[in-house]
Amino acid sequence: MAKILIVDDDKDMSQLLAEILGGESYEVNISYTGEEALAKIKENSYDLVILDYKLLGISGLVVLEKAHQVRPLMKVIMISAFGDDSTKAKAKEFGVYDFIDKPFNLIEFLQRIKEILENN
C-alpha cells in the first residue's frame, strides 16, 4: 500500500483529499504546516507527497527543497491556485514531479497520482 503525505493549510481540502485517497486504499497522513511536514518526512518514508505551494509559515518551495535534502528520490506533486510560470520553473528546479493548478479535476488528479506511483 502506497503511503502519501498531504501538506496543505486548508484543513477542509486536506481532509477531503485524505478521505478520497484513503478510499483508494492509500495510507494517508496530513500536515497543516511546512514545519510539521518536514518532521514527518524525516521520520517516515512516503511514496508521494502532495504539497501546497502557499502554506502558513515556510513556503511549499522551502519544504520541497529541504525534503529532497532528506529524501532525494521522494516524489512530490505541488498543488496551487497561485502557480505562475516562474513558480512552476522554480518547483521543477527543486525536483517537483508535477505541478497541478487548483482547482483541479479530481478524477484526473487521482489518475495522475496512480501514474506517478506506478512509475517507481
PDB file of N, CA and C in Angstrom:
ATOM      1  N   MET A   1       0.849  -1.182   0.000  1.00  0.00           N
ATOM      2  CA  MET A   1       0.000   0.000   0.000  1.00  0.00           C
ATOM      3  C   MET A   1       0.892   1.242   0.000  1.00  0.00           C
ATOM      4  N   ALA A   2       0.646   2.137  -0.927  1.00  0.00           N
ATOM      5  CA  ALA A   2       1.437   3.358  -1.033  1.00  0.00           C
ATOM      6  C   ALA A   2       1.102   4.304   0.117  1.00  0.00           C
ATOM      7  N   LYS A   3       2.136   5.002   0.577  1.00  0.00           N
ATOM      8  CA  LYS A   3       1.991   5.934   1.689  1.00  0.00           C
ATOM      9  C   LYS A   3       2.122   7.363   1.148  1.00  0.00           C
ATOM     10  N   ILE A   4       1.095   8.188   1.422  1.00  0.00           N
ATOM     11  CA  ILE A   4       1.022   9.544   0.889  1.00  0.00           C
ATOM     12  C   ILE A   4       0.914  10.549   2.034  1.00  0.00           C
ATOM     13  N   LEU A   5       1.668  11.653   1.908  1.00  0.00           N
ATOM     14  CA  LEU A   5       1.562  12.766   2.844  1.00  0.00           C
ATOM     15  C   LEU A   5       0.932  13.946   2.116  1.00  0.00           C
ATOM     16  N   ILE A   6      -0.140  14.486   2.683  1.00  0.00           N
ATOM     17  CA  ILE A   6      -0.788  15.682   2.157  1.00  0.00           C
ATOM     18  C   ILE A   6      -0.344  16.854   3.023  1.00  0.00           C
ATOM     19  N   VAL A   7       0.180  17.903   2.377  1.00  0.00           N
ATOM     20  CA  VAL A   7       0.629  19.092   3.102  1.00  0.00           C
ATOM     21  C   VAL A   7      -0.140  20.286   2.559  1.00  0.00           C
ATOM     22  N   ASP A   8      -1.106  20.757   3.349  1.00  0.00           N
ATOM     23  CA  ASP A   8      -1.933  21.887   2.921  1.00  0.00           C
ATOM     24  C   ASP A   8      -2.533  22.514   4.169  1.00  0.00           C
ATOM     25  N   ASP A   9      -2.449  23.840   4.286  1.00  0.00           N
ATOM     26  CA  ASP A   9      -3.012  24.500   5.465  1.00  0.00           C
ATOM     27  C   ASP A   9      -4.522  24.677   5.370  1.00  0.00           C
ATOM     28  N   ASP A  10      -5.106  24.317   4.241  1.00  0.00           N
ATOM     29  CA  ASP A  10      -6.565  24.300   4.082  1.00  0.00           C
ATOM     30  C   ASP A  10      -7.066  22.964   4.631  1.00  0.00           C
ATOM     31  N   LYS A  11      -7.562  22.995   5.858  1.00  0.00           N
ATOM     32  CA  LYS A  11      -7.940  21.746   6.541  1.00  0.00           C
ATOM     33  C   LYS A  11      -9.047  20.995   5.811  1.00  0.00           C
ATOM     34  N   ASP A  12     -10.035  21.721   5.277  1.00  0.00           N
ATOM     35  CA  ASP A  12     -11.118  21.050   4.559  1.00  0.00           C
ATOM     36  C   ASP A  12     -10.586  20.322   3.332  1.00  0.00           C
ATOM     37  N   MET A  13      -9.721  20.994   2.577  1.00  0.00           N
ATOM     38  CA  MET A  13      -9.128  20.390   1.380  1.00  0.00           C
ATOM     39  C   MET A  13      -8.299  19.160   1.755  1.00  0.00           C
ATOM     40  N   SER A  14      -7.487  19.300   2.787  1.00  0.00           N
ATOM     41  CA  SER A  14      -6.633  18.194   3.222  1.00  0.00           C
ATOM     42  C   SER A  14      -7.459  16.983   3.633  1.00  0.00           C
ATOM     43  N   GLN A  15      -8.499  17.217   4.417  1.00  0.00           N
ATOM     44  CA  GLN A  15      -9.321  16.113   4.904  1.00  0.00           C
ATOM     45  C   GLN A  15     -10.104  15.462   3.780  1.00  0.00           C
ATOM     46  N   LEU A  16     -10.591  16.273   2.834  1.00  0.00           N
ATOM     47  CA  LEU A  16     -11.303  15.723   1.688  1.00  0.00           C
ATOM     48  C   LEU A  16     -10.368  14.832   0.859  1.00  0.00           C
ATOM     49  N   LEU A  17      -9.171  15.332   0.556  1.00  0.00           N
ATOM     50  CA  LEU A  17      -8.210  14.525  -0.202  1.00  0.00           C
ATOM     51  C   LEU A  17      -7.835  13.256   0.550  1.00  0.00           C
ATOM     52  N   ALA A  18      -7.647  13.372   1.866  1.00  0.00           N
ATOM     53  CA  ALA A  18      -7.287  12.196   2.670  1.00  0.00           C
ATOM     54  C   ALA A  18      -8.395  11.145   2.628  1.00  0.00           C
ATOM     55  N   GLU A  19      -9.638  11.578   2.720  1.00  0.00           N
ATOM     56  CA  GLU A  19     -10.759  10.630   2.650  1.00  0.00           C
ATOM     57  C   GLU A  19     -10.818   9.939   1.290  1.00  0.00           C
ATOM     58  N   ILE A  20     -10.663  10.721   0.242  1.00  0.00           N
ATOM     59  CA  ILE A  20     -10.729  10.162  -1.111  1.00  0.00           C
ATOM     60  C   ILE A  20      -9.569   9.199  -1.356  1.00  0.00           C
ATOM     61  N   LEU A  21      -8.367   9.619  -0.993  1.00  0.00           N
ATOM     62  CA  LEU A  21      -7.193   8.753  -1.207  1.00  0.00           C
ATOM     63  C   LEU A  21      -7.243   7.518  -0.313  1.00  0.00           C
ATOM     64  N   GLY A  22      -7.752   7.679   0.911  1.00  0.00           N
ATOM     65  CA  GLY A  22      -7.929   6.523   1.792  1.00  0.00           C
ATOM     66  C   GLY A  22      -8.896   5.529   1.186  1.00  0.00           C
ATOM     67  N   GLY A  23      -9.944   6.037   0.538  1.00  0.00           N
ATOM     68  CA  GLY A  23     -10.906   5.181  -0.142  1.00  0.00           C
ATOM     69  C   GLY A  23     -10.321   4.470  -1.349  1.00  0.00           C
ATOM     70  N   GLU A  24      -9.198   4.992  -1.852  1.00  0.00           N
ATOM     71  CA  GLU A  24      -8.486   4.359  -2.968  1.00  0.00           C
ATOM     72  C   GLU A  24      -7.406   3.397  -2.451  1.00  0.00           C
ATOM     73  N   SER A  25      -7.443   3.102  -1.157  1.00  0.00           N
ATOM     74  CA  SER A  25      -6.528   2.160  -0.499  1.00  0.00           C
ATOM     75  C   SER A  25      -5.100   2.678  -0.327  1.00  0.00           C
ATOM     76  N   TYR A  26      -4.947   3.996  -0.237  1.00  0.00           N
ATOM     77  CA  TYR A  26      -3.645   4.559   0.107  1.00  0.00           C
ATOM     78  C   TYR A  26      -3.609   4.832   1.604  1.00  0.00           C
ATOM     79  N   GLU A  27      -2.427   4.715   2.195  1.00  0.00           N
ATOM     80  CA  GLU A  27      -2.241   5.128   3.583  1.00  0.00           C
ATOM     81  C   GLU A  27      -1.913   6.619   3.547  1.00  0.00           C
ATOM     82  N   VAL A  28      -2.695   7.428   4.254  1.00  0.00           N
ATOM     83  CA  VAL A  28      -2.570   8.878   4.127  1.00  0.00           C
ATOM     84  C   VAL A  28      -2.296   9.531   5.477  1.00  0.00           C
ATOM     85  N   ASN A  29      -1.328  10.456   5.478  1.00  0.00           N
ATOM     86  CA  ASN A  29      -1.070  11.337   6.617  1.00  0.00           C
ATOM     87  C   ASN A  29      -1.286  12.770   6.151  1.00  0.00           C
ATOM     88  N   ILE A  30      -1.592  13.650   7.100  1.00  0.00           N
ATOM     89  CA  ILE A  30      -1.808  15.061   6.795  1.00  0.00           C
ATOM     90  C   ILE A  30      -0.890  15.908   7.658  1.00  0.00           C
ATOM     91  N   SER A  31      -0.332  16.957   7.044  1.00  0.00           N
ATOM     92  CA  SER A  31       0.371  18.013   7.778  1.00  0.00           C
ATOM     93  C   SER A  31      -0.240  19.331   7.341  1.00  0.00           C
ATOM     94  N   TYR A  32      -0.463  20.210   8.313  1.00  0.00           N
ATOM     95  CA  TYR A  32      -1.063  21.507   8.006  1.00  0.00           C
ATOM     96  C   TYR A  32      -0.022  22.622   7.895  1.00  0.00           C
ATOM     97  N   THR A  33       1.235  22.327   8.258  1.00  0.00           N
ATOM     98  CA  THR A  33       2.310  23.315   8.144  1.00  0.00           C
ATOM     99  C   THR A  33       3.533  22.661   7.500  1.00  0.00           C
ATOM    100  N   GLY A  34       4.374  23.495   6.935  1.00  0.00           N
ATOM    101  CA  GLY A  34       5.603  23.001   6.338  1.00  0.00           C
ATOM    102  C   GLY A  34       6.540  22.396   7.362  1.00  0.00           C
ATOM    103  N   GLU A  35       6.609  23.019   8.529  1.00  0.00           N
ATOM    104  CA  GLU A  35       7.478  22.510   9.593  1.00  0.00           C
ATOM    105  C   GLU A  35       7.055  21.105  10.019  1.00  0.00           C
ATOM    106  N   GLU A  36       5.751  20.922  10.203  1.00  0.00           N
ATOM    107  CA  GLU A  36       5.215  19.616  10.587  1.00  0.00           C
ATOM    108  C   GLU A  36       5.493  18.592   9.485  1.00  0.00           C
ATOM    109  N   ALA A  37       5.348  18.998   8.233  1.00  0.00           N
ATOM    110  CA  ALA A  37       5.596  18.104   7.101  1.00  0.00           C
ATOM    111  C   ALA A  37       7.045  17.639   7.093  1.00  0.00           C
ATOM    112  N   LEU A  38       7.977  18.565   7.299  1.00  0.00           N
ATOM    113  CA  LEU A  38       9.396  18.192   7.293  1.00  0.00           C
ATOM    114  C   LEU A  38       9.722  17.204   8.412  1.00  0.00           C
ATOM    115  N   ALA A  39       9.120  17.396   9.575  1.00  0.00           N
ATOM    116  CA  ALA A  39       9.334  16.453  10.676  1.00  0.00           C
ATOM    117  C   ALA A  39       8.820  15.067  10.293  1.00  0.00           C
ATOM    118  N   LYS A  40       7.651  15.002   9.668  1.00  0.00           N
ATOM    119  CA  LYS A  40       7.091  13.709   9.254  1.00  0.00           C
ATOM    120  C   LYS A  40       7.935  13.062   8.161  1.00  0.00           C
ATOM    121  N   ILE A  41       8.445  13.879   7.230  1.00  0.00           N
ATOM    122  CA  ILE A  41       9.263  13.341   6.136  1.00  0.00           C
ATOM    123  C   ILE A  41      10.571  12.762   6.683  1.00  0.00           C
ATOM    124  N   LYS A  42      11.129  13.386   7.714  1.00  0.00           N
ATOM    125  CA  LYS A  42      12.354  12.863   8.330  1.00  0.00           C
ATOM    126  C   LYS A  42      12.096  11.529   9.029  1.00  0.00           C
ATOM    127  N   GLU A  43      10.903  11.372   9.601  1.00  0.00           N
ATOM    128  CA  GLU A  43      10.561  10.173  10.370  1.00  0.00           C
ATOM    129  C   GLU A  43      10.007   9.033   9.526  1.00  0.00           C
ATOM    130  N   ASN A  44       9.421   9.356   8.371  1.00  0.00           N
ATOM    131  CA  ASN A  44       8.714   8.360   7.565  1.00  0.00           C
ATOM    132  C   ASN A  44       9.186   8.390   6.123  1.00  0.00           C
ATOM    133  N   SER A  45       9.031   7.275   5.471  1.00  0.00           N
ATOM    134  CA  SER A  45       9.316   7.200   4.044  1.00  0.00           C
ATOM    135  C   SER A  45       7.988   7.214   3.299  1.00  0.00           C
ATOM    136  N   TYR A  46       7.722   8.299   2.578  1.00  0.00           N
ATOM    137  CA  TYR A  46       6.480   8.421   1.822  1.00  0.00           C
ATOM    138  C   TYR A  46       6.736   8.101   0.358  1.00  0.00           C
ATOM    139  N   ASP A  47       5.765   7.464  -0.265  1.00  0.00           N
ATOM    140  CA  ASP A  47       5.850   7.184  -1.698  1.00  0.00           C
ATOM    141  C   ASP A  47       5.541   8.440  -2.503  1.00  0.00           C
ATOM    142  N   LEU A  48       4.728   9.328  -1.910  1.00  0.00           N
ATOM    143  CA  LEU A  48       4.325  10.551  -2.598  1.00  0.00           C
ATOM    144  C   LEU A  48       3.947  11.607  -1.571  1.00  0.00           C
ATOM    145  N   VAL A  49       4.333  12.855  -1.871  1.00  0.00           N
ATOM    146  CA  VAL A  49       3.900  13.988  -1.061  1.00  0.00           C
ATOM    147  C   VAL A  49       3.104  14.919  -1.968  1.00  0.00           C
ATOM    148  N   ILE A  50       1.905  15.277  -1.525  1.00  0.00           N
ATOM    149  CA  ILE A  50       1.076  16.266  -2.218  1.00  0.00           C
ATOM    150  C   ILE A  50       1.236  17.549  -1.414  1.00  0.00           C
ATOM    151  N   LEU A  51       1.876  18.542  -2.028  1.00  0.00           N
ATOM    152  CA  LEU A  51       2.351  19.716  -1.303  1.00  0.00           C
ATOM    153  C   LEU A  51       1.756  20.994  -1.875  1.00  0.00           C
ATOM    154  N   ASP A  52       1.075  21.752  -1.026  1.00  0.00           N
ATOM    155  CA  ASP A  52       0.551  23.045  -1.458  1.00  0.00           C
ATOM    156  C   ASP A  52       1.696  24.045  -1.524  1.00  0.00           C
ATOM    157  N   TYR A  53       1.652  24.919  -2.506  1.00  0.00           N
ATOM    158  CA  TYR A  53       2.693  25.935  -2.674  1.00  0.00           C
ATOM    159  C   TYR A  53       2.613  26.996  -1.585  1.00  0.00           C
ATOM    160  N   LYS A  54       1.400  27.476  -1.306  1.00  0.00           N
ATOM    161  CA  LYS A  54       1.222  28.547  -0.319  1.00  0.00           C
ATOM    162  C   LYS A  54       0.807  27.947   1.017  1.00  0.00           C
ATOM    163  N   LEU A  55       1.716  28.009   1.962  1.00  0.00           N
ATOM    164  CA  LEU A  55       1.458  27.492   3.309  1.00  0.00           C
ATOM    165  C   LEU A  55       1.670  28.616   4.314  1.00  0.00           C
ATOM    166  N   LEU A  56       1.066  28.485   5.483  1.00  0.00           N
ATOM    167  CA  LEU A  56       1.388  29.393   6.574  1.00  0.00           C
ATOM    168  C   LEU A  56       2.792  29.043   7.049  1.00  0.00           C
ATOM    169  N   GLY A  57       3.583  30.032   7.365  1.00  0.00           N
ATOM    170  CA  GLY A  57       4.967  29.757   7.776  1.00  0.00           C
ATOM    171  C   GLY A  57       5.843  29.583   6.548  1.00  0.00           C
ATOM    172  N   ILE A  58       6.638  28.538   6.533  1.00  0.00           N
ATOM    173  CA  ILE A  58       7.534  28.335   5.395  1.00  0.00           C
ATOM    174  C   ILE A  58       6.757  27.901   4.159  1.00  0.00           C
ATOM    175  N   SER A  59       7.227  28.326   3.002  1.00  0.00           N
ATOM    176  CA  SER A  59       6.506  28.051   1.758  1.00  0.00           C
ATOM    177  C   SER A  59       6.687  26.610   1.299  1.00  0.00           C
ATOM    178  N   GLY A  60       5.839  26.203   0.390  1.00  0.00           N
ATOM    179  CA  GLY A  60       5.936  24.869  -0.188  1.00  0.00           C
ATOM    180  C   GLY A  60       7.264  24.642  -0.889  1.00  0.00           C
ATOM    181  N   LEU A  61       7.822  25.696  -1.509  1.00  0.00           N
ATOM    182  CA  LEU A  61       9.121  25.549  -2.178  1.00  0.00           C
ATOM    183  C   LEU A  61      10.233  25.251  -1.176  1.00  0.00           C
ATOM    184  N   VAL A  62      10.191  25.892  -0.014  1.00  0.00           N
ATOM    185  CA  VAL A  62      11.191  25.619   1.030  1.00  0.00           C
ATOM    186  C   VAL A  62      11.031  24.183   1.527  1.00  0.00           C
ATOM    187  N   VAL A  63       9.791  23.766   1.734  1.00  0.00           N
ATOM    188  CA  VAL A  63       9.534  22.385   2.159  1.00  0.00           C
ATOM    189  C   VAL A  63      10.071  21.413   1.110  1.00  0.00           C
ATOM    190  N   LEU A  64       9.789  21.701  -0.148  1.00  0.00           N
ATOM    191  CA  LEU A  64      10.252  20.844  -1.244  1.00  0.00           C
ATOM    192  C   LEU A  64      11.772  20.723  -1.252  1.00  0.00           C
ATOM    193  N   GLU A  65      12.454  21.853  -1.152  1.00  0.00           N
ATOM    194  CA  GLU A  65      13.918  21.851  -1.172  1.00  0.00           C
ATOM    195  C   GLU A  65      14.492  21.064   0.012  1.00  0.00           C
ATOM    196  N   LYS A  66      13.986  21.328   1.207  1.00  0.00           N
ATOM    197  CA  LYS A  66      14.500  20.652   2.405  1.00  0.00           C
ATOM    198  C   LYS A  66      14.134  19.170   2.410  1.00  0.00           C
ATOM    199  N   ALA A  67      12.944  18.848   1.927  1.00  0.00           N
ATOM    200  CA  ALA A  67      12.517  17.442   1.888  1.00  0.00           C
ATOM    201  C   ALA A  67      13.422  16.637   0.965  1.00  0.00           C
ATOM    202  N   HIS A  68      13.799  17.217  -0.163  1.00  0.00           N
ATOM    203  CA  HIS A  68      14.667  16.499  -1.096  1.00  0.00           C
ATOM    204  C   HIS A  68      16.101  16.383  -0.588  1.00  0.00           C
ATOM    205  N   GLN A  69      16.489  17.222   0.366  1.00  0.00           N
ATOM    206  CA  GLN A  69      17.790  17.053   1.000  1.00  0.00           C
ATOM    207  C   GLN A  69      17.777  15.805   1.883  1.00  0.00           C
ATOM    208  N   VAL A  70      16.634  15.535   2.500  1.00  0.00           N
ATOM    209  CA  VAL A  70      16.482  14.365   3.378  1.00  0.00           C
ATOM    210  C   VAL A  70      16.191  13.104   2.563  1.00  0.00           C
ATOM    211  N   ARG A  71      15.285  13.223   1.605  1.00  0.00           N
ATOM    212  CA  ARG A  71      14.846  12.086   0.783  1.00  0.00           C
ATOM    213  C   ARG A  71      14.887  12.498  -0.702  1.00  0.00           C
ATOM    214  N   PRO A  72      16.070  12.397  -1.326  1.00  0.00           N
ATOM    215  CA  PRO A  72      16.241  12.905  -2.692  1.00  0.00           C
ATOM    216  C   PRO A  72      15.357  12.238  -3.743  1.00  0.00           C
ATOM    217  N   LEU A  73      14.939  11.016  -3.528  1.00  0.00           N
ATOM    218  CA  LEU A  73      14.160  10.298  -4.533  1.00  0.00           C
ATOM    219  C   LEU A  73      12.648  10.399  -4.322  1.00  0.00           C
ATOM    220  N   MET A  74      12.244  11.092  -3.269  1.00  0.00           N
ATOM    221  CA  MET A  74      10.822  11.204  -2.952  1.00  0.00           C
ATOM    222  C   MET A  74      10.083  11.955  -4.058  1.00  0.00           C
ATOM    223  N   LYS A  75       8.924  11.459  -4.425  1.00  0.00           N
ATOM    224  CA  LYS A  75       8.099  12.087  -5.456  1.00  0.00           C
ATOM    225  C   LYS A  75       7.155  13.096  -4.805  1.00  0.00           C
ATOM    226  N   VAL A  76       7.095  14.275  -5.410  1.00  0.00           N
ATOM    227  CA  VAL A  76       6.268  15.355  -4.876  1.00  0.00           C
ATOM    228  C   VAL A  76       5.412  15.944  -5.996  1.00  0.00           C
ATOM    229  N   ILE A  77       4.112  16.066  -5.720  1.00  0.00           N
ATOM    230  CA  ILE A  77       3.209  16.824  -6.579  1.00  0.00           C
ATOM    231  C   ILE A  77       2.927  18.126  -5.851  1.00  0.00           C
ATOM    232  N   MET A  78       3.189  19.246  -6.498  1.00  0.00           N
ATOM    233  CA  MET A  78       2.845  20.530  -5.901  1.00  0.00           C
ATOM    234  C   MET A  78       1.501  20.976  -6.463  1.00  0.00           C
ATOM    235  N   ILE A  79       0.644  21.481  -5.573  1.00  0.00           N
ATOM    236  CA  ILE A  79      -0.661  21.983  -5.980  1.00  0.00           C
ATOM    237  C   ILE A  79      -0.758  23.447  -5.564  1.00  0.00           C
ATOM    238  N   SER A  80      -1.424  24.253  -6.385  1.00  0.00           N
ATOM    239  CA  SER A  80      -1.565  25.659  -6.019  1.00  0.00           C
ATOM    240  C   SER A  80      -2.566  26.375  -6.904  1.00  0.00           C
ATOM    241  N   ALA A  81      -3.210  27.350  -6.318  1.00  0.00           N
ATOM    242  CA  ALA A  81      -4.055  28.267  -7.085  1.00  0.00           C
ATOM    243  C   ALA A  81      -3.218  29.456  -7.552  1.00  0.00           C
ATOM    244  N   PHE A  82      -1.934  29.479  -7.188  1.00  0.00           N
ATOM    245  CA  PHE A  82      -1.051  30.612  -7.474  1.00  0.00           C
ATOM    246  C   PHE A  82       0.154  30.183  -8.297  1.00  0.00           C
ATOM    247  N   GLY A  83      -0.021  29.212  -9.184  1.00  0.00           N
ATOM    248  CA  GLY A  83       1.102  28.640  -9.923  1.00  0.00           C
ATOM    249  C   GLY A  83       1.430  29.350 -11.214  1.00  0.00           C
ATOM    250  N   ASP A  84       2.140  30.477 -11.121  1.00  0.00           N
ATOM    251  CA  ASP A  84       2.576  31.135 -12.355  1.00  0.00           C
ATOM    252  C   ASP A  84       3.798  30.398 -12.922  1.00  0.00           C
ATOM    253  N   ASP A  85       4.232  30.800 -14.103  1.00  0.00           N
ATOM    254  CA  ASP A  85       5.316  30.089 -14.786  1.00  0.00           C
ATOM    255  C   ASP A  85       6.619  30.094 -13.998  1.00  0.00           C
ATOM    256  N   SER A  86       6.951  31.215 -13.347  1.00  0.00           N
ATOM    257  CA  SER A  86       8.206  31.269 -12.599  1.00  0.00           C
ATOM    258  C   SER A  86       8.150  30.357 -11.370  1.00  0.00           C
ATOM    259  N   THR A  87       6.992  30.278 -10.736  1.00  0.00           N
ATOM    260  CA  THR A  87       6.831  29.375  -9.589  1.00  0.00           C
ATOM    261  C   THR A  87       6.988  27.923 -10.031  1.00  0.00           C
ATOM    262  N   LYS A  88       6.370  27.582 -11.150  1.00  0.00           N
ATOM    263  CA  LYS A  88       6.464  26.215 -11.670  1.00  0.00           C
ATOM    264  C   LYS A  88       7.900  25.874 -12.057  1.00  0.00           C
ATOM    265  N   ALA A  89       8.602  26.831 -12.655  1.00  0.00           N
ATOM    266  CA  ALA A  89      10.003  26.604 -13.036  1.00  0.00           C
ATOM    267  C   ALA A  89      10.865  26.383 -11.799  1.00  0.00           C
ATOM    268  N   LYS A  90      10.645  27.177 -10.770  1.00  0.00           N
ATOM    269  CA  LYS A  90      11.405  27.031  -9.519  1.00  0.00           C
ATOM    270  C   LYS A  90      11.111  25.674  -8.875  1.00  0.00           C
ATOM    271  N   ALA A  91       9.847  25.271  -8.885  1.00  0.00           N
ATOM    272  CA  ALA A  91       9.466  23.972  -8.331  1.00  0.00           C
ATOM    273  C   ALA A  91      10.162  22.843  -9.096  1.00  0.00           C
ATOM    274  N   LYS A  92      10.233  22.958 -10.409  1.00  0.00           N
ATOM    275  CA  LYS A  92      10.932  21.944 -11.224  1.00  0.00           C
ATOM    276  C   LYS A  92      12.413  21.896 -10.853  1.00  0.00           C
ATOM    277  N   GLU A  93      13.024  23.075 -10.643  1.00  0.00           N
ATOM    278  CA  GLU A  93      14.429  23.134 -10.217  1.00  0.00           C
ATOM    279  C   GLU A  93      14.634  22.368  -8.916  1.00  0.00           C
ATOM    280  N   PHE A  94      13.674  22.478  -8.013  1.00  0.00           N
ATOM    281  CA  PHE A  94      13.768  21.827  -6.713  1.00  0.00           C
ATOM    282  C   PHE A  94      13.310  20.376  -6.740  1.00  0.00           C
ATOM    283  N   GLY A  95      12.962  19.878  -7.927  1.00  0.00           N
ATOM    284  CA  GLY A  95      12.689  18.452  -8.066  1.00  0.00           C
ATOM    285  C   GLY A  95      11.248  18.022  -7.960  1.00  0.00           C
ATOM    286  N   VAL A  96      10.296  18.944  -8.131  1.00  0.00           N
ATOM    287  CA  VAL A  96       8.895  18.536  -8.079  1.00  0.00           C
ATOM    288  C   VAL A  96       8.601  17.606  -9.256  1.00  0.00           C
ATOM    289  N   TYR A  97       7.802  16.610  -9.014  1.00  0.00           N
ATOM    290  CA  TYR A  97       7.464  15.627 -10.041  1.00  0.00           C
ATOM    291  C   TYR A  97       6.394  16.162 -10.982  1.00  0.00           C
ATOM    292  N   ASP A  98       5.455  16.917 -10.419  1.00  0.00           N
ATOM    293  CA  ASP A  98       4.376  17.501 -11.206  1.00  0.00           C
ATOM    294  C   ASP A  98       3.849  18.714 -10.455  1.00  0.00           C
ATOM    295  N   PHE A  99       3.269  19.666 -11.185  1.00  0.00           N
ATOM    296  CA  PHE A  99       2.669  20.860 -10.597  1.00  0.00           C
ATOM    297  C   PHE A  99       1.252  20.948 -11.141  1.00  0.00           C
ATOM    298  N   ILE A 100       0.279  20.897 -10.249  1.00  0.00           N
ATOM    299  CA  ILE A 100      -1.131  20.871 -10.663  1.00  0.00           C
ATOM    300  C   ILE A 100      -1.833  22.103 -10.109  1.00  0.00           C
ATOM    301  N   ASP A 101      -2.511  22.813 -11.005  1.00  0.00           N
ATOM    302  CA  ASP A 101      -3.227  24.024 -10.612  1.00  0.00           C
ATOM    303  C   ASP A 101      -4.547  23.694  -9.928  1.00  0.00           C
ATOM    304  N   LYS A 102      -4.842  24.446  -8.847  1.00  0.00           N
ATOM    305  CA  LYS A 102      -6.148  24.382  -8.194  1.00  0.00           C
ATOM    306  C   LYS A 102      -7.060  25.372  -8.889  1.00  0.00           C
ATOM    307  N   PRO A 103      -8.314  25.136  -9.011  1.00  0.00           N
ATOM    308  CA  PRO A 103      -8.970  23.861  -8.700  1.00  0.00           C
ATOM    309  C   PRO A 103      -8.645  22.842  -9.783  1.00  0.00           C
ATOM    310  N   PHE A 104      -8.630  21.576  -9.395  1.00  0.00           N
ATOM    311  CA  PHE A 104      -8.311  20.526 -10.357  1.00  0.00           C
ATOM    312  C   PHE A 104      -9.456  19.523 -10.447  1.00  0.00           C
ATOM    313  N   ASN A 105      -9.462  18.803 -11.553  1.00  0.00           N
ATOM    314  CA  ASN A 105     -10.436  17.744 -11.769  1.00  0.00           C
ATOM    315  C   ASN A 105     -10.000  16.550 -10.919  1.00  0.00           C
ATOM    316  N   LEU A 106     -10.847  16.128  -9.999  1.00  0.00           N
ATOM    317  CA  LEU A 106     -10.480  15.074  -9.056  1.00  0.00           C
ATOM    318  C   LEU A 106     -10.161  13.750  -9.742  1.00  0.00           C
ATOM    319  N   ILE A 107     -10.922  13.389 -10.742  1.00  0.00           N
ATOM    320  CA  ILE A 107     -10.682  12.120 -11.446  1.00  0.00           C
ATOM    321  C   ILE A 107      -9.320  12.152 -12.138  1.00  0.00           C
ATOM    322  N   GLU A 108      -9.006  13.273 -12.794  1.00  0.00           N
ATOM    323  CA  GLU A 108      -7.703  13.408 -13.448  1.00  0.00           C
ATOM    324  C   GLU A 108      -6.579  13.426 -12.423  1.00  0.00           C
ATOM    325  N   PHE A 109      -6.809  14.068 -11.280  1.00  0.00           N
ATOM    326  CA  PHE A 109      -5.822  14.130 -10.205  1.00  0.00           C
ATOM    327  C   PHE A 109      -5.515  12.727  -9.676  1.00  0.00           C
ATOM    328  N   LEU A 110      -6.568  11.943  -9.421  1.00  0.00           N
ATOM    329  CA  LEU A 110      -6.367  10.574  -8.940  1.00  0.00           C
ATOM    330  C   LEU A 110      -5.632   9.726  -9.979  1.00  0.00           C
ATOM    331  N   GLN A 111      -5.943   9.924 -11.238  1.00  0.00           N
ATOM    332  CA  GLN A 111      -5.259   9.193 -12.308  1.00  0.00           C
ATOM    333  C   GLN A 111      -3.778   9.560 -12.344  1.00  0.00           C
ATOM    334  N   ARG A 112      -3.476  10.842 -12.160  1.00  0.00           N
ATOM    335  CA  ARG A 112      -2.071  11.289 -12.157  1.00  0.00           C
ATOM    336  C   ARG A 112      -1.321  10.684 -10.981  1.00  0.00           C
ATOM    337  N   ILE A 113      -1.939  10.630  -9.823  1.00  0.00           N
ATOM    338  CA  ILE A 113      -1.314  10.012  -8.647  1.00  0.00           C
ATOM    339  C   ILE A 113      -1.006   8.549  -8.936  1.00  0.00           C
ATOM    340  N   LYS A 114      -1.971   7.854  -9.490  1.00  0.00           N
ATOM    341  CA  LYS A 114      -1.787   6.437  -9.819  1.00  0.00           C
ATOM    342  C   LYS A 114      -0.623   6.251 -10.791  1.00  0.00           C
ATOM    343  N   GLU A 115      -0.556   7.090 -11.821  1.00  0.00           N
ATOM    344  CA  GLU A 115       0.539   7.001 -12.803  1.00  0.00           C
ATOM    345  C   GLU A 115       1.895   7.213 -12.144  1.00  0.00           C
ATOM    346  N   ILE A 116       1.976   8.232 -11.292  1.00  0.00           N
ATOM    347  CA  ILE A 116       3.240   8.550 -10.616  1.00  0.00           C
ATOM    348  C   ILE A 116       3.673   7.400  -9.721  1.00  0.00           C
ATOM    349  N   LEU A 117       2.735   6.851  -8.960  1.00  0.00           N
ATOM    350  CA  LEU A 117       3.088   5.767  -8.041  1.00  0.00           C
ATOM    351  C   LEU A 117       3.441   4.473  -8.777  1.00  0.00           C
ATOM    352  N   GLU A 118       2.877   4.266  -9.939  1.00  0.00           N
ATOM    353  CA  GLU A 118       3.191   3.061 -10.700  1.00  0.00           C
ATOM    354  C   GLU A 118       4.550   3.160 -11.386  1.00  0.00           C
ATOM    355  N   ASN A 119       5.075   4.363 -11.560  1.00  0.00           N
ATOM    356  CA  ASN A 119       6.358   4.559 -12.214  1.00  0.00           C
ATOM    357  C   ASN A 119       7.488   4.653 -11.194  1.00  0.00           C
ATOM    358  N   ASN A 120       7.606   3.649 -10.356  1.00  0.00           N
ATOM    359  CA  ASN A 120       8.672   3.645  -9.335  1.00  0.00           C
ATOM    360  C   ASN A 120       9.984   3.281  -9.959  1.00  0.00           C
TER     361      ASN A 120
END
